[in-house]
């Protein structure tokens, strides 16, 4: 740009100076780091900036319109709204993250429940309750069947209350109608799979006071690690083949808490898809 023209304060004189190629005392001076376009103002930008060329072209065109129109035409920039594809992609990404976070919270809320059952069983073992029941004619199979039935009834009640709470405070499309029924069934099946695991692990507990810490160590820590791996491999953000993605996901789902969290995450994504389809018409 012309340094002589740049110092002129009057707009008309500066435009005239620029159209005439600068005054007699100045020479064109170009800096490799900056470019400029001046029709009544100076625009400086770094050439390495990714939007430098579009910004320059837009500024020059706007200045020409104002000059030719005598200031009557005032160009403006209007940001275009997102297309349906862009909106769907953004919504899918947000739904994936939100559904995983929701699945993590729901799983953690229910994962500690079987530790109470383990604690009761260990206390009964330490106090020879099962031996006393055996002397009273209660068979071992009957004892375990009654214990399992009672724990499942308690679990179903808790799952029902949890579904009601999530329906009231959570996403309506996820916890109402078919999605709500699917989420409730997943919670019930989670208890069916988790309590036998607690019964088996109670044999490794020496005393009742370590039952709950023992359960938490063997379930919470592996769940966090495995679910993080599942989140990474199942996400659309990494470039892996579908075969590897499915193989890792199915292998991790052999651990009941991960399978439950993955199911809740799928329910959340399906609910978000239904909500997005309704908003897009």
C-alpha atoms as a PDB file:
ATOM      1  CA  UNK A   1       0.000   0.000   0.000  1.00  0.00           C
ATOM      2  CA  UNK A   2       1.019   3.611  -0.291  1.00  0.00           C
ATOM      3  CA  UNK A   3       2.338   5.133   2.899  1.00  0.00           C
ATOM      4  CA  UNK A   4       1.742   8.661   1.600  1.00  0.00           C
ATOM      5  CA  UNK A   5      -1.953   7.950   1.021  1.00  0.00           C
ATOM      6  CA  UNK A   6      -2.261   6.237   4.385  1.00  0.00           C
ATOM      7  CA  UNK A   7      -1.405   9.413   6.268  1.00  0.00           C
ATOM      8  CA  UNK A   8      -4.143  11.461   4.542  1.00  0.00           C
ATOM      9  CA  UNK A   9      -7.063  11.995   6.934  1.00  0.00           C
ATOM     10  CA  UNK A  10      -9.623  13.219   4.421  1.00  0.00           C
ATOM     11  CA  UNK A  11     -11.509  10.299   2.893  1.00  0.00           C
ATOM     12  CA  UNK A  12     -12.014  11.838  -0.554  1.00  0.00           C
ATOM     13  CA  UNK A  13      -8.365  12.905  -0.849  1.00  0.00           C
ATOM     14  CA  UNK A  14      -7.157   9.494   0.304  1.00  0.00           C
ATOM     15  CA  UNK A  15      -9.343   7.732  -2.294  1.00  0.00           C
ATOM     16  CA  UNK A  16      -8.051  10.071  -4.981  1.00  0.00           C
ATOM     17  CA  UNK A  17      -4.493   9.389  -3.860  1.00  0.00           C
ATOM     18  CA  UNK A  18      -5.048   5.644  -4.051  1.00  0.00           C
ATOM     19  CA  UNK A  19      -6.686   5.800  -7.510  1.00  0.00           C
ATOM     20  CA  UNK A  20      -3.850   7.979  -8.805  1.00  0.00           C
ATOM     21  CA  UNK A  21      -1.178   5.590  -7.565  1.00  0.00           C
ATOM     22  CA  UNK A  22       0.093   7.645  -4.617  1.00  0.00           C
ATOM     23  CA  UNK A  23       1.605  11.095  -4.248  1.00  0.00           C
ATOM     24  CA  UNK A  24       4.862  12.131  -5.837  1.00  0.00           C
ATOM     25  CA  UNK A  25       6.818  11.711  -2.595  1.00  0.00           C
ATOM     26  CA  UNK A  26       5.754   8.154  -1.844  1.00  0.00           C
ATOM     27  CA  UNK A  27       6.529   4.869  -3.532  1.00  0.00           C
ATOM     28  CA  UNK A  28       4.626   1.619  -3.412  1.00  0.00           C
ATOM     29  CA  UNK A  29       5.750  -0.294  -0.363  1.00  0.00           C
ATOM     30  CA  UNK A  30       4.742  -3.927   0.121  1.00  0.00           C
ATOM     31  CA  UNK A  31       5.439  -6.007   3.196  1.00  0.00           C
ATOM     32  CA  UNK A  32       5.608  -9.804   2.700  1.00  0.00           C
ATOM     33  CA  UNK A  33       3.881 -10.346   6.049  1.00  0.00           C
ATOM     34  CA  UNK A  34       0.891  -8.105   5.344  1.00  0.00           C
ATOM     35  CA  UNK A  35      -1.382  -7.150   2.474  1.00  0.00           C
ATOM     36  CA  UNK A  36      -3.768  -4.220   2.368  1.00  0.00           C
ATOM     37  CA  UNK A  37      -6.837  -2.958   0.572  1.00  0.00           C
ATOM     38  CA  UNK A  38      -7.820   0.662   1.130  1.00  0.00           C
ATOM     39  CA  UNK A  39     -10.973   2.352  -0.006  1.00  0.00           C
ATOM     40  CA  UNK A  40     -11.516   4.742   2.858  1.00  0.00           C
ATOM     41  CA  UNK A  41      -9.813   2.512   5.451  1.00  0.00           C
ATOM     42  CA  UNK A  42      -6.851   0.193   5.910  1.00  0.00           C
ATOM     43  CA  UNK A  43      -7.206  -3.579   6.214  1.00  0.00           C
ATOM     44  CA  UNK A  44      -4.167  -5.497   7.470  1.00  0.00           C
ATOM     45  CA  UNK A  45      -3.986  -9.241   7.860  1.00  0.00           C
ATOM     46  CA  UNK A  46      -1.369 -11.944   8.134  1.00  0.00           C
ATOM     47  CA  UNK A  47      -0.832 -13.851   4.890  1.00  0.00           C
ATOM     48  CA  UNK A  48      -0.616 -17.143   6.782  1.00  0.00           C
ATOM     49  CA  UNK A  49      -4.165 -16.698   8.069  1.00  0.00           C
ATOM     50  CA  UNK A  50      -6.433 -19.273   6.472  1.00  0.00           C
ATOM     51  CA  UNK A  51      -9.240 -16.789   5.806  1.00  0.00           C
ATOM     52  CA  UNK A  52      -7.003 -13.980   4.566  1.00  0.00           C
ATOM     53  CA  UNK A  53      -7.940 -14.208   0.877  1.00  0.00           C
ATOM     54  CA  UNK A  54     -11.739 -14.430   1.362  1.00  0.00           C
ATOM     55  CA  UNK A  55     -11.617 -11.579   3.879  1.00  0.00           C
ATOM     56  CA  UNK A  56      -9.572  -9.438   1.507  1.00  0.00           C
ATOM     57  CA  UNK A  57     -11.881 -10.095  -1.453  1.00  0.00           C
ATOM     58  CA  UNK A  58     -14.965  -9.373   0.653  1.00  0.00           C
ATOM     59  CA  UNK A  59     -13.484  -6.149   2.025  1.00  0.00           C
ATOM     60  CA  UNK A  60     -12.451  -4.904  -1.417  1.00  0.00           C
ATOM     61  CA  UNK A  61     -15.863  -5.701  -2.905  1.00  0.00           C
ATOM     62  CA  UNK A  62     -17.614  -3.963  -0.020  1.00  0.00           C
ATOM     63  CA  UNK A  63     -15.412  -0.892  -0.411  1.00  0.00           C
ATOM     64  CA  UNK A  64     -16.060  -0.758  -4.175  1.00  0.00           C
ATOM     65  CA  UNK A  65     -19.821  -0.982  -3.620  1.00  0.00           C
ATOM     66  CA  UNK A  66     -19.722   1.840  -1.117  1.00  0.00           C
ATOM     67  CA  UNK A  67     -17.560   3.948  -3.421  1.00  0.00           C
ATOM     68  CA  UNK A  68     -19.651   3.396  -6.559  1.00  0.00           C
ATOM     69  CA  UNK A  69     -22.906   3.836  -4.680  1.00  0.00           C
ATOM     70  CA  UNK A  70     -21.826   6.980  -2.925  1.00  0.00           C
ATOM     71  CA  UNK A  71     -22.244   5.364   0.476  1.00  0.00           C
ATOM     72  CA  UNK A  72     -25.876   4.443  -0.199  1.00  0.00           C
ATOM     73  CA  UNK A  73     -25.135   0.718  -0.457  1.00  0.00           C
ATOM     74  CA  UNK A  74     -23.914  -0.724   2.845  1.00  0.00           C
ATOM     75  CA  UNK A  75     -22.840  -4.374   2.436  1.00  0.00           C
ATOM     76  CA  UNK A  76     -23.345  -6.684   5.406  1.00  0.00           C
ATOM     77  CA  UNK A  77     -22.432 -10.243   6.233  1.00  0.00           C
ATOM     78  CA  UNK A  78     -25.130 -12.731   7.159  1.00  0.00           C
ATOM     79  CA  UNK A  79     -24.050 -16.079   8.565  1.00  0.00           C
ATOM     80  CA  UNK A  80     -25.830 -18.902   6.776  1.00  0.00           C
ATOM     81  CA  UNK A  81     -27.743 -21.334   8.991  1.00  0.00           C
ATOM     82  CA  UNK A  82     -26.488 -24.883   9.327  1.00  0.00           C
ATOM     83  CA  UNK A  83     -27.702 -27.376   6.777  1.00  0.00           C
ATOM     84  CA  UNK A  84     -29.695 -30.423   7.824  1.00  0.00           C
ATOM     85  CA  UNK A  85     -26.581 -32.579   7.384  1.00  0.00           C
ATOM     86  CA  UNK A  86     -24.473 -30.279   9.570  1.00  0.00           C
ATOM     87  CA  UNK A  87     -27.219 -30.109  12.180  1.00  0.00           C
ATOM     88  CA  UNK A  88     -27.563 -33.880  12.165  1.00  0.00           C
ATOM     89  CA  UNK A  89     -23.806 -34.373  12.532  1.00  0.00           C
ATOM     90  CA  UNK A  90     -23.550 -31.897  15.406  1.00  0.00           C
ATOM     91  CA  UNK A  91     -26.574 -33.421  17.113  1.00  0.00           C
ATOM     92  CA  UNK A  92     -25.192 -36.941  16.661  1.00  0.00           C
ATOM     93  CA  UNK A  93     -21.870 -35.959  18.225  1.00  0.00           C
ATOM     94  CA  UNK A  94     -23.558 -34.234  21.154  1.00  0.00           C
ATOM     95  CA  UNK A  95     -25.957 -37.151  21.597  1.00  0.00           C
ATOM     96  CA  UNK A  96     -23.085 -39.661  21.600  1.00  0.00           C
ATOM     97  CA  UNK A  97     -21.208 -37.805  24.334  1.00  0.00           C
ATOM     98  CA  UNK A  98     -24.341 -37.111  26.381  1.00  0.00           C
ATOM     99  CA  UNK A  99     -25.580 -40.697  26.108  1.00  0.00           C
ATOM    100  CA  UNK A 100     -22.208 -42.060  27.268  1.00  0.00           C
ATOM    101  CA  UNK A 101     -22.086 -39.696  30.233  1.00  0.00           C
ATOM    102  CA  UNK A 102     -25.673 -40.616  31.120  1.00  0.00           C
ATOM    103  CA  UNK A 103     -24.900 -44.331  30.815  1.00  0.00           C
ATOM    104  CA  UNK A 104     -21.872 -43.893  33.071  1.00  0.00           C
ATOM    105  CA  UNK A 105     -23.912 -42.133  35.763  1.00  0.00           C
ATOM    106  CA  UNK A 106     -26.772 -44.663  35.667  1.00  0.00           C
ATOM    107  CA  UNK A 107     -24.383 -47.622  35.811  1.00  0.00           C
ATOM    108  CA  UNK A 108     -22.464 -46.206  38.765  1.00  0.00           C
ATOM    109  CA  UNK A 109     -25.736 -45.620  40.617  1.00  0.00           C
ATOM    110  CA  UNK A 110     -26.757 -49.287  40.321  1.00  0.00           C
ATOM    111  CA  UNK A 111     -23.350 -50.940  40.408  1.00  0.00           C
ATOM    112  CA  UNK A 112     -22.928 -50.622  44.167  1.00  0.00           C
ATOM    113  CA  UNK A 113     -26.286 -52.196  45.078  1.00  0.00           C
ATOM    114  CA  UNK A 114     -25.141 -55.878  45.030  1.00  0.00           C
ATOM    115  CA  UNK A 115     -22.430 -55.072  47.569  1.00  0.00           C
ATOM    116  CA  UNK A 116     -25.170 -54.859  50.206  1.00  0.00           C
ATOM    117  CA  UNK A 117     -26.337 -58.362  49.280  1.00  0.00           C
ATOM    118  CA  UNK A 118     -22.765 -59.614  49.503  1.00  0.00           C
ATOM    119  CA  UNK A 119     -22.406 -58.021  52.929  1.00  0.00           C
ATOM    120  CA  UNK A 120     -25.537 -59.777  54.228  1.00  0.00           C
ATOM    121  CA  UNK A 121     -24.429 -63.158  52.862  1.00  0.00           C
ATOM    122  CA  UNK A 122     -20.975 -62.855  54.436  1.00  0.00           C
ATOM    123  CA  UNK A 123     -22.507 -61.868  57.785  1.00  0.00           C
ATOM    124  CA  UNK A 124     -24.832 -64.881  57.643  1.00  0.00           C
ATOM    125  CA  UNK A 125     -21.881 -67.115  56.871  1.00  0.00           C
ATOM    126  CA  UNK A 126     -19.816 -65.720  59.746  1.00  0.00           C
ATOM    127  CA  UNK A 127     -22.737 -66.159  62.167  1.00  0.00           C
ATOM    128  CA  UNK A 128     -23.491 -69.706  60.966  1.00  0.00           C
ATOM    129  CA  UNK A 129     -26.979 -68.697  59.877  1.00  0.00           C
ATOM    130  CA  UNK A 130     -26.904 -71.057  56.905  1.00  0.00           C
ATOM    131  CA  UNK A 131     -25.883 -73.926  59.191  1.00  0.00           C
ATOM    132  CA  UNK A 132     -28.774 -73.170  61.516  1.00  0.00           C
ATOM    133  CA  UNK A 133     -31.180 -73.040  58.572  1.00  0.00           C
ATOM    134  CA  UNK A 134     -29.839 -76.372  57.376  1.00  0.00           C
ATOM    135  CA  UNK A 135     -30.544 -77.884  60.793  1.00  0.00           C
ATOM    136  CA  UNK A 136     -34.082 -76.501  60.533  1.00  0.00           C
ATOM    137  CA  UNK A 137     -34.601 -78.358  57.261  1.00  0.00           C
ATOM    138  CA  UNK A 138     -33.880 -75.579  54.776  1.00  0.00           C
ATOM    139  CA  UNK A 139     -31.884 -76.937  51.868  1.00  0.00           C
ATOM    140  CA  UNK A 140     -28.943 -75.076  50.324  1.00  0.00           C
ATOM    141  CA  UNK A 141     -30.718 -74.660  46.976  1.00  0.00           C
ATOM    142  CA  UNK A 142     -33.780 -73.241  48.728  1.00  0.00           C
ATOM    143  CA  UNK A 143     -31.611 -70.779  50.652  1.00  0.00           C
ATOM    144  CA  UNK A 144     -29.935 -69.439  47.521  1.00  0.00           C
ATOM    145  CA  UNK A 145     -33.204 -69.379  45.556  1.00  0.00           C
ATOM    146  CA  UNK A 146     -34.970 -67.371  48.265  1.00  0.00           C
ATOM    147  CA  UNK A 147     -32.020 -64.999  48.593  1.00  0.00           C
ATOM    148  CA  UNK A 148     -31.867 -64.474  44.829  1.00  0.00           C
ATOM    149  CA  UNK A 149     -35.636 -63.928  44.569  1.00  0.00           C
ATOM    150  CA  UNK A 150     -35.637 -61.358  47.365  1.00  0.00           C
ATOM    151  CA  UNK A 151     -32.677 -59.499  45.845  1.00  0.00           C
ATOM    152  CA  UNK A 152     -34.322 -59.452  42.405  1.00  0.00           C
ATOM    153  CA  UNK A 153     -37.599 -58.096  43.810  1.00  0.00           C
ATOM    154  CA  UNK A 154     -35.697 -55.355  45.595  1.00  0.00           C
ATOM    155  CA  UNK A 155     -33.728 -54.627  42.417  1.00  0.00           C
ATOM    156  CA  UNK A 156     -36.857 -54.395  40.235  1.00  0.00           C
ATOM    157  CA  UNK A 157     -38.399 -51.926  42.678  1.00  0.00           C
ATOM    158  CA  UNK A 158     -35.235 -49.805  42.594  1.00  0.00           C
ATOM    159  CA  UNK A 159     -35.083 -50.011  38.781  1.00  0.00           C
ATOM    160  CA  UNK A 160     -38.709 -48.885  38.534  1.00  0.00           C
ATOM    161  CA  UNK A 161     -38.120 -45.950  40.867  1.00  0.00           C
ATOM    162  CA  UNK A 162     -34.957 -45.062  38.931  1.00  0.00           C
ATOM    163  CA  UNK A 163     -36.864 -45.103  35.651  1.00  0.00           C
ATOM    164  CA  UNK A 164     -39.523 -42.802  37.102  1.00  0.00           C
ATOM    165  CA  UNK A 165     -36.888 -40.356  38.339  1.00  0.00           C
ATOM    166  CA  UNK A 166     -35.055 -40.386  35.002  1.00  0.00           C
ATOM    167  CA  UNK A 167     -38.349 -39.846  33.183  1.00  0.00           C
ATOM    168  CA  UNK A 168     -39.081 -36.768  35.265  1.00  0.00           C
ATOM    169  CA  UNK A 169     -35.627 -35.177  35.140  1.00  0.00           C
ATOM    170  CA  UNK A 170     -34.036 -36.769  32.064  1.00  0.00           C
ATOM    171  CA  UNK A 171     -34.609 -36.576  28.319  1.00  0.00           C
ATOM    172  CA  UNK A 172     -38.281 -37.365  27.571  1.00  0.00           C
ATOM    173  CA  UNK A 173     -37.477 -39.170  24.309  1.00  0.00           C
ATOM    174  CA  UNK A 174     -35.095 -41.510  26.157  1.00  0.00           C
ATOM    175  CA  UNK A 175     -37.216 -42.478  29.157  1.00  0.00           C
ATOM    176  CA  UNK A 176     -40.773 -42.450  27.811  1.00  0.00           C
ATOM    177  CA  UNK A 177     -42.640 -44.844  25.569  1.00  0.00           C
ATOM    178  CA  UNK A 178     -40.649 -47.629  23.951  1.00  0.00           C
ATOM    179  CA  UNK A 179     -37.309 -46.117  24.968  1.00  0.00           C
ATOM    180  CA  UNK A 180     -38.375 -45.999  28.606  1.00  0.00           C
ATOM    181  CA  UNK A 181     -39.506 -49.632  28.491  1.00  0.00           C
ATOM    182  CA  UNK A 182     -36.190 -50.661  26.930  1.00  0.00           C
ATOM    183  CA  UNK A 183     -34.245 -48.776  29.608  1.00  0.00           C
ATOM    184  CA  UNK A 184     -36.299 -50.371  32.399  1.00  0.00           C
ATOM    185  CA  UNK A 185     -35.773 -53.873  30.973  1.00  0.00           C
ATOM    186  CA  UNK A 186     -32.033 -53.232  30.743  1.00  0.00           C
ATOM    187  CA  UNK A 187     -31.963 -52.227  34.397  1.00  0.00           C
ATOM    188  CA  UNK A 188     -33.835 -55.376  35.409  1.00  0.00           C
ATOM    189  CA  UNK A 189     -31.561 -57.640  33.348  1.00  0.00           C
ATOM    190  CA  UNK A 190     -28.533 -55.913  34.840  1.00  0.00           C
ATOM    191  CA  UNK A 191     -29.643 -57.070  38.286  1.00  0.00           C
ATOM    192  CA  UNK A 192     -30.251 -60.605  37.010  1.00  0.00           C
ATOM    193  CA  UNK A 193     -26.633 -60.784  35.804  1.00  0.00           C
ATOM    194  CA  UNK A 194     -24.976 -58.859  38.627  1.00  0.00           C
ATOM    195  CA  UNK A 195     -26.292 -60.630  41.744  1.00  0.00           C
ATOM    196  CA  UNK A 196     -24.921 -64.087  40.844  1.00  0.00           C
ATOM    197  CA  UNK A 197     -21.529 -62.427  40.385  1.00  0.00           C
ATOM    198  CA  UNK A 198     -21.810 -60.999  43.909  1.00  0.00           C
ATOM    199  CA  UNK A 199     -22.759 -64.425  45.266  1.00  0.00           C
ATOM    200  CA  UNK A 200     -19.713 -66.028  43.674  1.00  0.00           C
ATOM    201  CA  UNK A 201     -17.324 -63.333  44.858  1.00  0.00           C
ATOM    202  CA  UNK A 202     -18.467 -63.572  48.475  1.00  0.00           C
ATOM    203  CA  UNK A 203     -16.407 -66.761  48.855  1.00  0.00           C
ATOM    204  CA  UNK A 204     -13.251 -64.656  48.422  1.00  0.00           C
ATOM    205  CA  UNK A 205     -14.217 -62.281  51.260  1.00  0.00           C
ATOM    206  CA  UNK A 206     -12.724 -63.135  54.632  1.00  0.00           C
ATOM    207  CA  UNK A 207     -14.939 -60.919  56.798  1.00  0.00           C
ATOM    208  CA  UNK A 208     -18.013 -58.742  56.430  1.00  0.00           C
ATOM    209  CA  UNK A 209     -16.317 -55.360  56.850  1.00  0.00           C
ATOM    210  CA  UNK A 210     -14.274 -55.811  53.662  1.00  0.00           C
ATOM    211  CA  UNK A 211     -17.201 -57.013  51.519  1.00  0.00           C
ATOM    212  CA  UNK A 212     -18.184 -53.631  50.105  1.00  0.00           C
ATOM    213  CA  UNK A 213     -14.588 -52.379  49.448  1.00  0.00           C
ATOM    214  CA  UNK A 214     -13.807 -55.733  47.823  1.00  0.00           C
ATOM    215  CA  UNK A 215     -16.839 -55.455  45.537  1.00  0.00           C
ATOM    216  CA  UNK A 216     -16.051 -51.871  44.601  1.00  0.00           C
ATOM    217  CA  UNK A 217     -12.450 -52.736  43.748  1.00  0.00           C
ATOM    218  CA  UNK A 218     -13.418 -55.654  41.515  1.00  0.00           C
ATOM    219  CA  UNK A 219     -16.233 -53.850  39.692  1.00  0.00           C
ATOM    220  CA  UNK A 220     -15.789 -50.070  39.688  1.00  0.00           C
ATOM    221  CA  UNK A 221     -12.124 -49.949  38.672  1.00  0.00           C
ATOM    222  CA  UNK A 222     -12.422 -52.469  35.793  1.00  0.00           C
ATOM    223  CA  UNK A 223     -15.647 -50.800  34.689  1.00  0.00           C
ATOM    224  CA  UNK A 224     -14.003 -47.379  34.401  1.00  0.00           C
ATOM    225  CA  UNK A 225     -11.077 -48.811  32.422  1.00  0.00           C
ATOM    226  CA  UNK A 226     -13.127 -51.034  30.111  1.00  0.00           C
ATOM    227  CA  UNK A 227     -15.864 -48.475  29.501  1.00  0.00           C
ATOM    228  CA  UNK A 228     -13.248 -45.868  28.578  1.00  0.00           C
ATOM    229  CA  UNK A 229     -11.824 -48.297  26.015  1.00  0.00           C
ATOM    230  CA  UNK A 230     -15.339 -48.982  24.741  1.00  0.00           C
ATOM    231  CA  UNK A 231     -16.052 -45.244  24.481  1.00  0.00           C
ATOM    232  CA  UNK A 232     -12.900 -44.728  22.399  1.00  0.00           C
ATOM    233  CA  UNK A 233     -13.407 -47.637  20.012  1.00  0.00           C
ATOM    234  CA  UNK A 234     -17.157 -47.120  19.590  1.00  0.00           C
ATOM    235  CA  UNK A 235     -16.848 -43.390  18.978  1.00  0.00           C
ATOM    236  CA  UNK A 236     -17.036 -41.921  15.449  1.00  0.00           C
ATOM    237  CA  UNK A 237     -13.938 -39.824  16.168  1.00  0.00           C
ATOM    238  CA  UNK A 238     -11.320 -42.525  15.519  1.00  0.00           C
ATOM    239  CA  UNK A 239     -10.567 -44.129  12.170  1.00  0.00           C
ATOM    240  CA  UNK A 240     -10.708 -47.910  12.629  1.00  0.00           C
ATOM    241  CA  UNK A 241     -12.364 -50.612  10.601  1.00  0.00           C
ATOM    242  CA  UNK A 242     -15.873 -51.659  11.541  1.00  0.00           C
ATOM    243  CA  UNK A 243     -14.674 -55.209  12.170  1.00  0.00           C
ATOM    244  CA  UNK A 244     -12.142 -54.096  14.786  1.00  0.00           C
ATOM    245  CA  UNK A 245     -14.693 -51.733  16.310  1.00  0.00           C
ATOM    246  CA  UNK A 246     -17.300 -54.497  16.668  1.00  0.00           C
ATOM    247  CA  UNK A 247     -14.793 -57.080  17.929  1.00  0.00           C
ATOM    248  CA  UNK A 248     -13.518 -54.814  20.709  1.00  0.00           C
ATOM    249  CA  UNK A 249     -17.044 -53.717  21.657  1.00  0.00           C
ATOM    250  CA  UNK A 250     -18.401 -57.276  21.880  1.00  0.00           C
ATOM    251  CA  UNK A 251     -15.367 -58.452  23.853  1.00  0.00           C
ATOM    252  CA  UNK A 252     -15.762 -55.662  26.396  1.00  0.00           C
ATOM    253  CA  UNK A 253     -19.490 -56.378  26.711  1.00  0.00           C
ATOM    254  CA  UNK A 254     -18.678 -59.729  28.311  1.00  0.00           C
ATOM    255  CA  UNK A 255     -18.286 -57.703  31.516  1.00  0.00           C
ATOM    256  CA  UNK A 256     -21.893 -57.096  32.715  1.00  0.00           C
ATOM    257  CA  UNK A 257     -21.474 -53.428  33.780  1.00  0.00           C
ATOM    258  CA  UNK A 258     -20.007 -52.517  30.380  1.00  0.00           C
ATOM    259  CA  UNK A 259     -22.803 -54.366  28.587  1.00  0.00           C
ATOM    260  CA  UNK A 260     -25.405 -52.512  30.666  1.00  0.00           C
ATOM    261  CA  UNK A 261     -23.753 -49.120  30.098  1.00  0.00           C
ATOM    262  CA  UNK A 262     -23.493 -49.823  26.363  1.00  0.00           C
ATOM    263  CA  UNK A 263     -27.188 -50.698  26.264  1.00  0.00           C
ATOM    264  CA  UNK A 264     -28.184 -47.510  28.088  1.00  0.00           C
ATOM    265  CA  UNK A 265     -25.922 -45.541  25.738  1.00  0.00           C
ATOM    266  CA  UNK A 266     -27.664 -47.057  22.697  1.00  0.00           C
ATOM    267  CA  UNK A 267     -31.066 -46.203  24.180  1.00  0.00           C
ATOM    268  CA  UNK A 268     -29.897 -42.622  24.688  1.00  0.00           C
ATOM    269  CA  UNK A 269     -28.680 -42.348  21.098  1.00  0.00           C
ATOM    270  CA  UNK A 270     -31.937 -43.782  19.766  1.00  0.00           C
ATOM    271  CA  UNK A 271     -33.927 -41.285  21.818  1.00  0.00           C
ATOM    272  CA  UNK A 272     -31.795 -38.430  20.500  1.00  0.00           C
ATOM    273  CA  UNK A 273     -32.330 -39.635  16.923  1.00  0.00           C
ATOM    274  CA  UNK A 274     -36.089 -39.676  17.468  1.00  0.00           C
ATOM    275  CA  UNK A 275     -35.972 -36.170  18.929  1.00  0.00           C
ATOM    276  CA  UNK A 276     -33.840 -34.880  16.027  1.00  0.00           C
ATOM    277  CA  UNK A 277     -36.145 -36.459  13.443  1.00  0.00           C
ATOM    278  CA  UNK A 278     -39.113 -34.774  15.091  1.00  0.00           C
ATOM    279  CA  UNK A 279     -37.420 -31.359  15.062  1.00  0.00           C
ATOM    280  CA  UNK A 280     -36.348 -31.678  11.422  1.00  0.00           C
ATOM    281  CA  UNK A 281     -39.818 -32.747  10.371  1.00  0.00           C
END
